[in-house]
C-alpha atoms as a PDB file:
ATOM      1  CA  MET A   1     -12.103  -5.168  14.616  1.00  0.00           C
ATOM      2  CA  ALA A   2     -12.077  -2.659  17.444  1.00  0.00           C
ATOM      3  CA  LEU A   3     -11.467   0.863  16.221  1.00  0.00           C
ATOM      4  CA  PRO A   4      -9.433   3.264  18.347  1.00  0.00           C
ATOM      5  CA  THR A   5     -11.160   5.485  20.849  1.00  0.00           C
ATOM      6  CA  GLU A   6      -8.349   7.997  21.245  1.00  0.00           C
ATOM      7  CA  LEU A   7      -6.310  10.054  18.799  1.00  0.00           C
ATOM      8  CA  ASP A   8      -3.018   8.978  20.377  1.00  0.00           C
ATOM      9  CA  GLN A   9      -2.393   6.116  17.978  1.00  0.00           C
ATOM     10  CA  THR A  10      -0.116   6.770  15.058  1.00  0.00           C
ATOM     11  CA  THR A  11      -1.342   3.919  12.819  1.00  0.00           C
ATOM     12  CA  VAL A  12      -4.865   2.535  12.519  1.00  0.00           C
ATOM     13  CA  GLU A  13      -5.854  -0.452  10.384  1.00  0.00           C
ATOM     14  CA  VAL A  14      -9.278  -0.151   8.733  1.00  0.00           C
ATOM     15  CA  THR A  15     -11.297  -2.393   6.429  1.00  0.00           C
ATOM     16  CA  ALA A  16     -13.324  -1.776   3.280  1.00  0.00           C
ATOM     17  CA  ALA A  17     -16.396  -1.642   5.540  1.00  0.00           C
ATOM     18  CA  ASP A  18     -14.996   1.611   7.009  1.00  0.00           C
ATOM     19  CA  LEU A  19     -15.030   3.355   3.623  1.00  0.00           C
ATOM     20  CA  PRO A  20     -15.487   6.170   2.900  1.00  0.00           C
ATOM     21  CA  LEU A  21     -12.920   6.825   5.607  1.00  0.00           C
ATOM     22  CA  HIS A  22     -12.766  10.020   7.586  1.00  0.00           C
ATOM     23  CA  CYS A  23     -10.772  11.265  10.525  1.00  0.00           C
ATOM     24  CA  PRO A  24     -11.575  11.518  13.329  1.00  0.00           C
ATOM     25  CA  LEU A  25     -13.525   8.276  13.472  1.00  0.00           C
ATOM     26  CA  PRO A  26     -16.955   8.250  15.140  1.00  0.00           C
ATOM     27  CA  SER A  27     -15.639   5.798  17.751  1.00  0.00           C
ATOM     28  CA  GLN A  28     -12.983   8.210  18.968  1.00  0.00           C
ATOM     29  CA  LYS A  29     -13.830   9.963  22.216  1.00  0.00           C
ATOM     30  CA  LEU A  30     -12.263  13.119  20.901  1.00  0.00           C
ATOM     31  CA  TRP A  31     -14.272  13.075  17.678  1.00  0.00           C
ATOM     32  CA  ASN A  32     -14.417  16.862  17.610  1.00  0.00           C
ATOM     33  CA  THR A  33     -10.698  17.566  18.025  1.00  0.00           C
ATOM     34  CA  HIS A  34     -10.379  18.747  14.439  1.00  0.00           C
ATOM     35  CA  PRO A  35     -12.626  19.157  11.382  1.00  0.00           C
ATOM     36  CA  ARG A  36     -13.760  15.945   9.719  1.00  0.00           C
ATOM     37  CA  VAL A  37     -11.579  15.183   6.727  1.00  0.00           C
ATOM     38  CA  PHE A  38     -12.221  12.364   4.273  1.00  0.00           C
ATOM     39  CA  LEU A  39      -9.137  10.323   3.433  1.00  0.00           C
ATOM     40  CA  PRO A  40      -8.535   8.531   0.086  1.00  0.00           C
ATOM     41  CA  VAL A  41      -7.208   5.354   1.709  1.00  0.00           C
ATOM     42  CA  GLY A  42      -8.763   3.185  -1.036  1.00  0.00           C
ATOM     43  CA  GLU A  43      -6.474   4.602  -3.730  1.00  0.00           C
ATOM     44  CA  THR A  44      -3.106   3.539  -2.323  1.00  0.00           C
ATOM     45  CA  GLY A  45      -4.023   1.492   0.739  1.00  0.00           C
ATOM     46  CA  GLU A  46      -2.714   4.164   3.127  1.00  0.00           C
ATOM     47  CA  ALA A  47      -3.529   7.772   4.015  1.00  0.00           C
ATOM     48  CA  ARG A  48      -2.379  10.267   6.652  1.00  0.00           C
ATOM     49  CA  CYS A  49      -4.682  12.759   8.327  1.00  0.00           C
ATOM     50  CA  PRO A  50      -3.391  16.274   7.598  1.00  0.00           C
ATOM     51  CA  TYR A  51      -4.644  17.524  10.985  1.00  0.00           C
ATOM     52  CA  CYS A  52      -3.518  14.969  13.565  1.00  0.00           C
ATOM     53  CA  GLY A  53      -1.031  12.862  11.576  1.00  0.00           C
ATOM     54  CA  THR A  54      -2.778   9.536  12.201  1.00  0.00           C
ATOM     55  CA  VAL A  55      -1.914   7.024   9.472  1.00  0.00           C
ATOM     56  CA  TYR A  56      -4.755   4.785   8.286  1.00  0.00           C
ATOM     57  CA  ARG A  57      -3.902   1.525   6.521  1.00  0.00           C
ATOM     58  CA  LEU A  58      -6.473  -0.433   4.589  1.00  0.00           C
ATOM     59  CA  ALA A  59      -6.369  -4.140   5.430  1.00  0.00           C
ATOM     60  CA  GLY A  60      -5.652  -5.938   2.189  1.00  0.00           C
ATOM     61  CA  GLY A  61      -4.220  -2.859   0.471  1.00  0.00           C
ATOM     62  CA  ALA A  62      -5.751  -0.615  -2.148  1.00  0.00           C
ATOM     63  CA  VAL A  63      -9.281  -1.226  -3.397  1.00  0.00           C
ATOM     64  CA  ALA A  64      -9.592  -2.018  -7.109  1.00  0.00           C
ATOM     65  CA  ARG A  65     -11.811   0.409  -8.941  1.00  0.00           C
ATOM     66  CA  GLY A  66     -14.175  -0.896 -11.577  1.00  0.00           C
ATOM     67  CA  HIS A  67     -17.472  -0.360 -13.307  1.00  0.00           C
END
């Protein structure tokens, strides 16, 4: 899957391979537009960046936690 290169997208779909998820993503040209913040997308399947408002959705929904 191609990840976005700009912060102008309002919703981004990510996979479990992208976890732990942080915004901005390394692939974004403007990676230094705000401080890196880790997002708990695995808990509910969706998280919003508090800085830029980008919504990240985990393909397949929330990740089951186990031992």
